[in-house]
Amino acid sequence: MIKVLIVDDSAVVRQVLTGLLDGVSGIKVIGAAPDPIFAMKKMESEWPDVIVLDIEMPRMDGVTFLKKLMSEHPTPVVICSTLTEKGAEVTMQAMSAGAVDIITKPKVNLRNFLQESKATIIDVIKAAAQSRPRIIKSATPSPIATNPNSLFGASTPKPMVQTTDRVIVIGTSTGGTQALEYLFTQLPRTAPPIVVVQHMPEHFTAAFAKRLDGICQVTVKEAANKDRALPGVVLIAPGGKHMLLQRSGAQYQVEVKDGPLVSRHRPSVDVLFRSSAQSAGANAVGIILTGMGDDGAHGMKEMHDAGALTIAQDEASCVVYGMPKEAVKLGAVDGILPLSAIPQLIMQAPTRALFKKT
């Protein structure tokens, strides 16, 4: 039984979420509080398995409460955030502080929206219950161990625009915001082109990319249609859109497009990985990180069969060992690495010969 505590100053949200979840097998709402102060009193008698947490509340805001919780008693937290640009920016602070996923809510037609989103909300809560929340320390980037010269000096220039045959494609979901922040803060400006699908709602991907761009040496941006994949640049698929990798002459670019859900997601990791198999073949490196479900597993198998090097994050460093596990089960993975080893792999231009078959 997954014990859920709802913390939101909206009586409508508390009422609707309680009603939605109470009828679900395997889930029990143990309480609903209008702010973190009331929540902490409830938690003295019974500790939840998952907390659904609003951001803007009286007496104590959600981010402050989340930081206190993660430092004292790490617990899976799902942020219930307003679907606005301002809400997205604050939510990214919460994700960096240790929240594992997001439930969005509009400012109007709130009751209907939550009821229509019942299946998604249940999936998010079940995934959160399986997660192992943690704070991944990014700290100050350090040089890649195998590189004789430091790539991280403050005076290192941005790379000149150039063609390249090598491209890194990454897929992730639950726990991915922290994992990507760790990875990209470790990379120098000379990193190869990187294209990413992170399961996240629209509006939030732009805020996520903007936040990473401010703390990383690589350039990070929400992808737009026909953006070129360039050295030192990370392109993140927009929420609500699929992203494909395409070959354009001697270079790569992305296609951002509408379309149906694939593997229950839009953007879908499978869509990115399959397009990479077709467009880049053995010139790509596929990396699948922490996440719930199986999105990306079949696409990674296609990359593997096309000659690409394929890597999965190991179970010990995942918040949720779902997506990597499914890729491993399919025989789609050449190597399994802890998160801490993946920045070095990205900079090595590795080949399959470095890994034993898994």
Protein backbone atom coordinates (compact mmCIF):
# COMPACT_ATOMS: atom_id res chain seq x y z
CA MET A 1 0.00 0.00 0.00
CA ILE A 2 1.43 3.37 -1.08
CA LYS A 3 0.70 5.98 1.61
CA VAL A 4 0.24 9.44 0.08
CA LEU A 5 0.20 12.83 1.79
CA ILE A 6 -1.18 15.80 -0.19
CA VAL A 7 0.18 19.25 0.70
CA ASP A 8 -1.56 22.05 -1.20
CA ASP A 9 -3.22 25.29 -0.10
CA SER A 10 -6.00 24.76 -2.67
CA ALA A 11 -9.00 23.03 -1.10
CA VAL A 12 -10.08 21.96 -4.61
CA VAL A 13 -6.77 20.23 -5.26
CA ARG A 14 -6.82 18.48 -1.89
CA GLN A 15 -10.40 17.34 -2.39
CA VAL A 16 -10.07 16.18 -5.99
CA LEU A 17 -6.73 14.38 -5.55
CA THR A 18 -7.99 12.65 -2.41
CA GLY A 19 -11.09 11.50 -4.26
CA LEU A 20 -9.09 10.29 -7.26
CA LEU A 21 -6.53 8.35 -5.26
CA ASP A 22 -8.72 6.85 -2.56
CA GLY A 23 -10.44 4.61 -5.07
CA VAL A 24 -7.19 3.23 -6.52
CA SER A 25 -6.04 -0.22 -5.46
CA GLY A 26 -2.68 -0.08 -3.70
CA ILE A 27 -2.85 3.63 -2.85
CA LYS A 28 -4.09 5.21 0.38
CA VAL A 29 -4.28 8.94 1.11
CA ILE A 30 -3.23 9.28 4.75
CA GLY A 31 -3.84 13.02 4.92
CA ALA A 32 -4.18 16.36 3.17
CA ALA A 33 -2.63 19.55 4.54
CA PRO A 34 -2.95 23.21 3.44
CA ASP A 35 0.73 23.97 4.10
CA PRO A 36 3.98 22.31 5.22
CA ILE A 37 3.50 23.25 8.90
CA PHE A 38 0.28 21.24 9.07
CA ALA A 39 1.94 18.49 7.02
CA MET A 40 4.81 18.10 9.47
CA LYS A 41 2.34 17.66 12.33
CA LYS A 42 0.56 14.90 10.41
CA MET A 43 3.88 13.24 9.59
CA GLU A 44 4.71 12.93 13.29
CA SER A 45 2.09 10.18 13.60
CA GLU A 46 2.43 8.49 10.19
CA TRP A 47 5.14 8.90 7.57
CA PRO A 48 4.04 8.89 3.91
CA ASP A 49 5.63 6.91 1.10
CA VAL A 50 4.97 9.75 -1.36
CA ILE A 51 4.25 13.45 -0.82
CA VAL A 52 2.35 15.46 -3.45
CA LEU A 53 3.58 19.00 -2.83
CA ASP A 54 2.46 22.43 -4.00
CA ILE A 55 5.07 25.17 -4.39
CA GLU A 56 3.41 28.44 -3.39
CA MET A 57 1.81 28.09 0.06
CA PRO A 58 1.38 30.22 3.19
CA ARG A 59 3.74 30.06 6.18
CA MET A 60 6.33 27.90 4.32
CA ASP A 61 6.84 27.48 0.58
CA GLY A 62 7.21 24.08 -0.99
CA VAL A 63 10.88 24.42 -1.98
CA THR A 64 11.92 25.33 1.58
CA PHE A 65 9.96 22.36 2.94
CA LEU A 66 11.43 20.04 0.31
CA LYS A 67 15.01 21.05 1.14
CA LYS A 68 14.35 20.49 4.85
CA LEU A 69 12.77 17.10 4.12
CA MET A 70 15.58 15.90 1.86
CA SER A 71 18.27 16.89 4.36
CA GLU A 72 16.56 15.20 7.31
CA HIS A 73 14.44 12.34 5.95
CA PRO A 74 14.62 11.83 2.15
CA THR A 75 11.15 10.95 0.88
CA PRO A 76 9.76 10.73 -2.67
CA VAL A 77 8.13 14.07 -3.51
CA VAL A 78 5.98 14.83 -6.56
CA ILE A 79 5.59 18.55 -7.27
CA CYS A 80 2.07 19.76 -8.09
CA SER A 81 2.87 22.89 -10.07
CA THR A 82 0.95 25.55 -11.96
CA LEU A 83 1.39 25.23 -15.73
CA THR A 84 2.92 28.69 -16.25
CA GLU A 85 6.36 30.02 -17.10
CA LYS A 86 6.81 31.35 -13.55
CA GLY A 87 5.60 28.07 -12.10
CA ALA A 88 8.05 26.16 -14.30
CA GLU A 89 11.05 28.16 -13.10
CA VAL A 90 10.25 27.55 -9.41
CA THR A 91 9.50 23.90 -10.11
CA MET A 92 12.98 23.46 -11.58
CA GLN A 93 14.40 24.65 -8.25
CA ALA A 94 12.34 21.94 -6.56
CA MET A 95 13.49 19.26 -9.00
CA SER A 96 17.10 20.25 -8.36
CA ALA A 97 16.41 20.04 -4.61
CA GLY A 98 15.33 16.42 -4.90
CA ALA A 99 11.73 16.15 -6.16
CA VAL A 100 11.30 13.14 -8.44
CA ASP A 101 8.48 14.21 -10.79
CA ILE A 102 5.86 16.83 -11.71
CA ILE A 103 2.07 16.94 -11.82
CA THR A 104 0.84 20.05 -13.60
CA LYS A 105 -2.32 22.01 -12.82
CA PRO A 106 -3.89 24.91 -14.73
CA LYS A 107 -5.26 28.08 -13.15
CA VAL A 108 -8.73 27.48 -14.66
CA ASN A 109 -10.89 24.34 -14.96
CA LEU A 110 -8.74 22.79 -12.26
CA ARG A 111 -11.19 20.11 -11.15
CA ASN A 112 -11.85 18.82 -14.68
CA PHE A 113 -8.15 18.87 -15.58
CA LEU A 114 -7.17 16.77 -12.57
CA GLN A 115 -9.97 14.29 -13.17
CA GLU A 116 -9.00 13.92 -16.84
CA SER A 117 -5.36 13.41 -15.80
CA LYS A 118 -6.17 10.60 -13.35
CA ALA A 119 -4.21 7.88 -15.17
CA THR A 120 -1.11 10.07 -15.47
CA ILE A 121 -1.28 11.12 -11.81
CA ILE A 122 -1.55 7.51 -10.66
CA ASP A 123 1.42 6.48 -12.84
CA VAL A 124 3.53 9.33 -11.45
CA ILE A 125 2.72 8.43 -7.84
CA LYS A 126 3.44 4.73 -8.39
CA ALA A 127 6.76 5.61 -10.03
CA ALA A 128 7.64 7.95 -7.18
CA ALA A 129 6.95 5.19 -4.65
CA GLN A 130 9.56 3.02 -6.35
CA SER A 131 12.15 5.77 -6.44
CA ARG A 132 15.14 6.32 -4.20
CA PRO A 133 15.33 10.09 -3.78
CA ARG A 134 18.77 11.57 -3.44
CA ILE A 135 20.61 14.82 -3.88
CA ILE A 136 23.29 14.47 -6.55
CA LYS A 137 26.10 16.89 -5.83
CA SER A 138 27.16 18.74 -8.96
CA ALA A 139 29.67 20.98 -7.22
CA THR A 140 32.45 22.51 -9.29
CA PRO A 141 33.24 20.56 -12.46
CA SER A 142 36.50 18.66 -12.39
CA PRO A 143 38.67 17.64 -15.35
CA ILE A 144 38.04 14.33 -17.10
CA ALA A 145 40.53 11.98 -15.53
CA THR A 146 41.96 10.58 -18.76
CA ASN A 147 42.55 13.97 -20.33
CA PRO A 148 46.11 15.26 -19.73
CA ASN A 149 45.03 18.89 -20.07
CA SER A 150 42.30 20.56 -18.10
CA LEU A 151 39.28 21.23 -20.29
CA PHE A 152 37.53 23.34 -17.71
CA GLY A 153 39.62 26.49 -17.49
CA ALA A 154 37.66 29.73 -17.33
CA SER A 155 39.47 31.05 -20.40
CA THR A 156 38.57 28.09 -22.61
CA PRO A 157 36.85 29.54 -25.69
CA LYS A 158 33.53 28.35 -27.06
CA PRO A 159 34.20 25.84 -29.86
CA MET A 160 34.06 27.09 -33.42
CA VAL A 161 31.16 25.84 -35.48
CA GLN A 162 32.31 22.69 -37.22
CA THR A 163 30.92 19.55 -38.76
CA THR A 164 31.07 16.33 -36.82
CA ASP A 165 30.07 12.74 -37.40
CA ARG A 166 29.71 11.94 -33.71
CA VAL A 167 26.58 12.66 -31.70
CA ILE A 168 25.40 11.69 -28.20
CA VAL A 169 21.69 10.92 -27.70
CA ILE A 170 20.31 10.63 -24.16
CA GLY A 171 16.92 9.52 -22.84
CA THR A 172 15.64 9.79 -19.27
CA SER A 173 12.56 10.26 -17.12
CA THR A 174 12.00 10.06 -13.34
CA GLY A 175 15.13 11.36 -11.60
CA GLY A 176 16.51 12.61 -14.89
CA THR A 177 16.58 16.31 -14.08
CA GLN A 178 19.15 15.75 -11.35
CA ALA A 179 21.09 13.20 -13.41
CA LEU A 180 21.32 15.56 -16.39
CA GLU A 181 22.36 18.46 -14.18
CA TYR A 182 25.18 16.33 -12.81
CA LEU A 183 26.30 15.18 -16.26
CA PHE A 184 26.25 18.54 -17.97
CA THR A 185 28.01 20.44 -15.18
CA GLN A 186 30.89 17.98 -15.60
CA LEU A 187 31.33 18.56 -19.33
CA PRO A 188 33.69 21.06 -20.99
CA ARG A 189 32.79 23.44 -23.80
CA THR A 190 34.41 21.01 -26.21
CA ALA A 191 31.86 18.25 -25.55
CA PRO A 192 30.39 16.53 -28.61
CA PRO A 193 26.87 17.41 -29.78
CA ILE A 194 24.24 16.12 -27.33
CA VAL A 195 20.53 15.63 -27.99
CA VAL A 196 18.22 14.80 -25.07
CA VAL A 197 14.70 13.63 -24.35
CA GLN A 198 13.64 14.18 -20.75
CA HIS A 199 10.02 13.35 -19.97
CA MET A 200 8.62 16.71 -18.87
CA PRO A 201 5.53 18.84 -19.59
CA GLU A 202 5.54 21.82 -21.95
CA HIS A 203 6.83 25.09 -20.47
CA PHE A 204 9.00 23.13 -18.05
CA THR A 205 11.61 22.04 -20.60
CA ALA A 206 12.38 25.67 -21.49
CA ALA A 207 12.85 26.55 -17.81
CA PHE A 208 14.97 23.43 -17.29
CA ALA A 209 17.23 24.24 -20.25
CA LYS A 210 17.59 27.86 -19.15
CA ARG A 211 18.58 26.80 -15.65
CA LEU A 212 21.20 24.33 -16.92
CA ASP A 213 22.58 26.85 -19.38
CA GLY A 214 23.28 29.19 -16.48
CA ILE A 215 25.35 26.66 -14.53
CA CYS A 216 27.08 24.65 -17.30
CA GLN A 217 30.01 25.35 -19.58
CA VAL A 218 28.19 23.71 -22.47
CA THR A 219 25.35 25.65 -24.07
CA VAL A 220 21.97 24.15 -23.15
CA LYS A 221 18.75 25.12 -24.95
CA GLU A 222 15.26 23.87 -25.62
CA ALA A 223 15.41 22.55 -29.16
CA ALA A 224 13.66 24.28 -32.04
CA ASN A 225 12.92 22.68 -35.39
CA LYS A 226 16.01 22.49 -37.65
CA ASP A 227 18.45 23.33 -34.83
CA ARG A 228 21.89 21.94 -35.69
CA ALA A 229 23.59 19.50 -33.34
CA LEU A 230 26.91 21.24 -32.68
CA PRO A 231 29.91 20.63 -30.43
CA GLY A 232 29.45 22.20 -27.02
CA VAL A 233 25.66 22.38 -27.43
CA VAL A 234 22.94 20.35 -25.67
CA LEU A 235 19.49 20.31 -27.29
CA ILE A 236 16.57 19.29 -25.03
CA ALA A 237 13.31 18.16 -26.64
CA PRO A 238 10.41 20.54 -25.92
CA GLY A 239 7.68 19.18 -23.66
CA GLY A 240 4.67 18.05 -25.68
CA LYS A 241 6.69 17.58 -28.91
CA HIS A 242 8.64 14.70 -30.40
CA MET A 243 12.24 15.25 -31.46
CA LEU A 244 14.06 13.31 -34.18
CA LEU A 245 17.70 13.36 -35.22
CA GLN A 246 18.28 13.93 -38.93
CA ARG A 247 21.30 14.00 -41.20
CA SER A 248 21.71 17.20 -43.19
CA GLY A 249 24.68 16.87 -45.49
CA ALA A 250 27.75 16.46 -43.32
CA GLN A 251 25.92 17.60 -40.20
CA TYR A 252 23.09 16.63 -37.89
CA GLN A 253 20.00 18.62 -37.06
CA VAL A 254 16.80 17.94 -35.15
CA GLU A 255 13.21 17.83 -36.31
CA VAL A 256 10.69 18.94 -33.68
CA LYS A 257 7.16 17.88 -34.51
CA ASP A 258 3.71 17.05 -33.20
CA GLY A 259 2.45 13.50 -33.16
CA PRO A 260 0.68 10.86 -31.10
CA LEU A 261 2.05 9.51 -27.85
CA VAL A 262 4.77 6.92 -28.41
CA SER A 263 5.51 4.48 -25.59
CA ARG A 264 2.96 6.61 -23.64
CA HIS A 265 5.09 9.74 -23.98
CA ARG A 266 5.57 12.89 -26.03
CA PRO A 267 8.47 13.57 -26.29
CA SER A 268 9.44 9.91 -26.51
CA VAL A 269 12.92 8.50 -26.08
CA ASP A 270 12.06 5.73 -28.54
CA VAL A 271 11.38 8.32 -31.24
CA LEU A 272 14.76 10.00 -30.71
CA PHE A 273 16.69 6.73 -30.50
CA ARG A 274 15.04 5.20 -33.58
CA SER A 275 15.73 8.31 -35.64
CA SER A 276 19.33 8.21 -34.44
CA ALA A 277 19.66 4.59 -35.56
CA GLN A 278 18.46 5.60 -39.02
CA SER A 279 20.37 8.88 -39.35
CA ALA A 280 23.60 8.35 -37.43
CA GLY A 281 24.05 4.59 -37.17
CA ALA A 282 27.43 3.69 -35.68
CA ASN A 283 28.40 7.35 -35.34
CA ALA A 284 26.03 7.79 -32.39
CA VAL A 285 26.37 6.93 -28.72
CA GLY A 286 23.07 6.15 -26.99
CA ILE A 287 22.73 6.64 -23.24
CA ILE A 288 19.64 5.66 -21.24
CA LEU A 289 19.35 7.07 -17.73
CA THR A 290 17.09 6.74 -14.72
CA GLY A 291 13.36 6.54 -15.39
CA MET A 292 10.13 4.62 -14.91
CA GLY A 293 8.76 2.39 -17.66
CA ASP A 294 10.26 1.12 -20.90
CA ASP A 295 10.41 4.15 -23.19
CA GLY A 296 13.69 4.03 -25.09
CA ALA A 297 14.39 0.32 -24.73
CA HIS A 298 13.26 -0.66 -28.24
CA GLY A 299 14.81 2.43 -29.79
CA MET A 300 18.11 1.63 -28.09
CA LYS A 301 17.95 -1.90 -29.51
CA GLU A 302 17.64 -0.37 -32.97
CA MET A 303 20.65 1.86 -32.27
CA HIS A 304 22.61 -1.16 -31.04
CA ASP A 305 21.72 -3.17 -34.13
CA ALA A 306 22.76 -0.21 -36.32
CA GLY A 307 26.24 -0.28 -34.78
CA ALA A 308 25.97 2.50 -32.19
CA LEU A 309 27.57 2.17 -28.77
CA THR A 310 24.77 1.91 -26.20
CA ILE A 311 25.13 2.58 -22.46
CA ALA A 312 22.74 2.22 -19.53
CA GLN A 313 23.01 3.87 -16.12
CA ASP A 314 23.53 1.29 -13.38
CA GLU A 315 20.86 0.42 -10.82
CA ALA A 316 22.77 1.75 -7.81
CA SER A 317 22.92 5.32 -9.15
CA CYS A 318 19.38 5.42 -10.62
CA VAL A 319 16.49 7.05 -8.83
CA VAL A 320 14.26 4.55 -10.67
CA TYR A 321 15.88 1.58 -12.41
CA GLY A 322 13.13 1.09 -14.98
CA MET A 323 14.12 2.35 -18.42
CA PRO A 324 17.75 1.14 -18.19
CA LYS A 325 16.60 -2.24 -16.88
CA GLU A 326 14.23 -2.74 -19.82
CA ALA A 327 16.97 -1.86 -22.31
CA VAL A 328 19.33 -4.36 -20.66
CA LYS A 329 16.63 -7.06 -20.76
CA LEU A 330 16.24 -6.53 -24.52
CA GLY A 331 19.96 -7.05 -25.11
CA ALA A 332 20.22 -3.46 -26.32
CA VAL A 333 23.08 -2.36 -24.06
CA ASP A 334 26.84 -2.65 -24.57
CA GLY A 335 27.87 -1.28 -21.18
CA ILE A 336 26.40 -0.45 -17.78
CA LEU A 337 27.98 2.46 -15.91
CA PRO A 338 27.38 4.51 -12.76
CA LEU A 339 26.27 8.07 -13.40
CA SER A 340 29.64 9.37 -12.20
CA ALA A 341 31.46 7.57 -15.04
CA ILE A 342 29.27 8.81 -17.89
CA PRO A 343 30.80 12.30 -18.36
CA GLN A 344 34.18 10.70 -18.96
CA LEU A 345 32.64 8.25 -21.41
CA ILE A 346 31.05 11.10 -23.37
CA MET A 347 34.45 12.78 -23.80
CA GLN A 348 36.39 9.61 -24.71
CA ALA A 349 34.88 8.86 -28.13
CA PRO A 350 34.47 5.27 -26.90
CA THR A 351 33.89 2.15 -28.96
CA ARG A 352 32.24 -1.18 -28.21
CA ALA A 353 35.65 -2.73 -27.73
CA LEU A 354 35.84 -1.02 -24.32
CA PHE A 355 32.90 -3.05 -23.01
CA LYS A 356 32.08 -6.63 -22.47
CA LYS A 357 28.74 -7.71 -23.83
CA THR A 358 25.94 -7.49 -21.26
